[in-house]
Amino acid sequence: MTIEQFWLCAGLTGQFLFSCRFVVQWLSSEMSGKSIVPIAFWYFSIAGSLILLSYAIHQADPVFIIGQSTGFIIYLRNLMLIHNERRQQYTGIEVSGAE
């Protein structure tokens, strides 16, 4: 496998993971009968975004780099908020930045 084939596979894998988040969200919503965003959506977002960001850096595409790095920060922050909220629910202790 050449280095270009490796990066093509990496880019396609990242895009696949990023696309899976919509399938997870759709199936979760169908099962609950209302629109919801499950935590798996954010994990797929982070995994796909991180791989796509690596691919974008390899391709030296500034537009793609900015888009994926911005998204990555937002997805990570959403996971932090979710985990802080869950910690607060279980412990009754408010975590800084969870508001």
Protein backbone atom coordinates (compact mmCIF):
# COMPACT_ATOMS: atom_id res chain seq x y z
CA MET A 1 0.00 0.00 0.00
CA THR A 2 1.39 3.38 -0.97
CA ILE A 3 1.26 6.41 1.30
CA GLU A 4 -1.40 7.99 -0.94
CA GLN A 5 -3.53 4.85 -0.73
CA PHE A 6 -3.17 4.92 3.05
CA TRP A 7 -4.35 8.54 3.22
CA LEU A 8 -7.22 7.82 0.84
CA CYS A 9 -8.33 4.94 3.11
CA ALA A 10 -7.95 7.18 6.16
CA GLY A 11 -10.03 9.93 4.55
CA LEU A 12 -12.74 7.48 3.52
CA THR A 13 -12.76 5.92 7.00
CA GLY A 14 -13.14 9.35 8.58
CA GLN A 15 -15.98 10.22 6.23
CA PHE A 16 -17.67 6.88 6.98
CA LEU A 17 -17.47 7.46 10.75
CA PHE A 18 -18.67 11.02 10.35
CA SER A 19 -21.65 9.80 8.28
CA CYS A 20 -22.47 7.07 10.82
CA ARG A 21 -23.39 9.75 13.34
CA PHE A 22 -26.46 10.63 11.28
CA VAL A 23 -27.54 6.99 11.09
CA VAL A 24 -27.14 6.65 14.88
CA GLN A 25 -29.16 9.82 15.46
CA TRP A 26 -31.89 8.77 13.03
CA LEU A 27 -32.24 5.26 14.51
CA SER A 28 -32.28 6.61 18.07
CA SER A 29 -34.96 9.11 17.15
CA GLU A 30 -37.06 6.46 15.41
CA MET A 31 -36.82 4.14 18.42
CA SER A 32 -37.83 6.88 20.87
CA GLY A 33 -40.50 8.41 18.63
CA LYS A 34 -38.97 11.88 18.94
CA SER A 35 -35.90 13.71 17.74
CA ILE A 36 -32.95 13.07 20.06
CA VAL A 37 -29.18 13.30 19.83
CA PRO A 38 -27.59 10.29 21.55
CA ILE A 39 -24.11 10.49 23.07
CA ALA A 40 -22.85 8.11 20.35
CA PHE A 41 -23.55 10.91 17.85
CA TRP A 42 -20.87 13.03 19.52
CA TYR A 43 -18.36 10.17 19.70
CA PHE A 44 -18.81 9.43 15.99
CA SER A 45 -18.49 13.17 15.34
CA ILE A 46 -15.19 13.35 17.22
CA ALA A 47 -13.73 10.20 15.65
CA GLY A 48 -14.73 11.17 12.12
CA SER A 49 -13.66 14.77 12.57
CA LEU A 50 -10.26 13.85 13.98
CA ILE A 51 -9.51 11.45 11.11
CA LEU A 52 -10.82 13.93 8.53
CA LEU A 53 -8.73 16.69 10.14
CA SER A 54 -5.64 14.49 9.80
CA TYR A 55 -6.52 13.87 6.16
CA ALA A 56 -7.09 17.61 5.57
CA ILE A 57 -3.71 18.44 7.09
CA HIS A 58 -2.06 15.84 4.86
CA GLN A 59 -3.83 17.36 1.84
CA ALA A 60 -2.82 20.86 3.06
CA ASP A 61 -6.38 22.09 2.48
CA PRO A 62 -6.90 25.17 4.68
CA VAL A 63 -10.67 25.29 4.16
CA PHE A 64 -11.07 21.64 5.16
CA ILE A 65 -8.65 22.11 8.10
CA ILE A 66 -10.57 25.08 9.49
CA GLY A 67 -13.93 23.33 9.08
CA GLN A 68 -12.85 20.11 10.78
CA SER A 69 -10.88 21.74 13.58
CA THR A 70 -13.78 24.05 14.46
CA GLY A 71 -16.22 21.14 14.43
CA PHE A 72 -13.89 19.02 16.58
CA ILE A 73 -13.82 21.70 19.28
CA ILE A 74 -17.62 21.96 19.29
CA TYR A 75 -18.10 18.17 19.46
CA LEU A 76 -15.58 17.89 22.29
CA ARG A 77 -17.30 20.68 24.22
CA ASN A 78 -20.68 18.97 23.84
CA LEU A 79 -19.24 15.76 25.29
CA MET A 80 -17.75 17.72 28.19
CA LEU A 81 -21.14 19.31 28.91
CA ILE A 82 -22.90 15.94 28.76
CA HIS A 83 -20.37 14.30 31.11
CA ASN A 84 -20.49 17.23 33.53
CA GLU A 85 -24.28 17.07 33.60
CA ARG A 86 -24.23 13.31 34.24
CA ARG A 87 -21.66 13.73 37.00
CA GLN A 88 -23.85 16.38 38.60
CA GLN A 89 -26.91 14.12 38.39
CA TYR A 90 -25.12 11.21 40.04
CA THR A 91 -23.20 13.11 42.69
CA GLY A 92 -25.41 16.14 43.25
CA ILE A 93 -22.27 18.27 42.94
CA GLU A 94 -22.30 21.02 40.37
CA VAL A 95 -19.24 20.93 38.08
CA SER A 96 -17.72 24.22 36.94
CA GLY A 97 -18.56 25.06 33.32
CA ALA A 98 -21.58 22.76 33.14
CA GLU A 99 -24.09 25.58 33.22
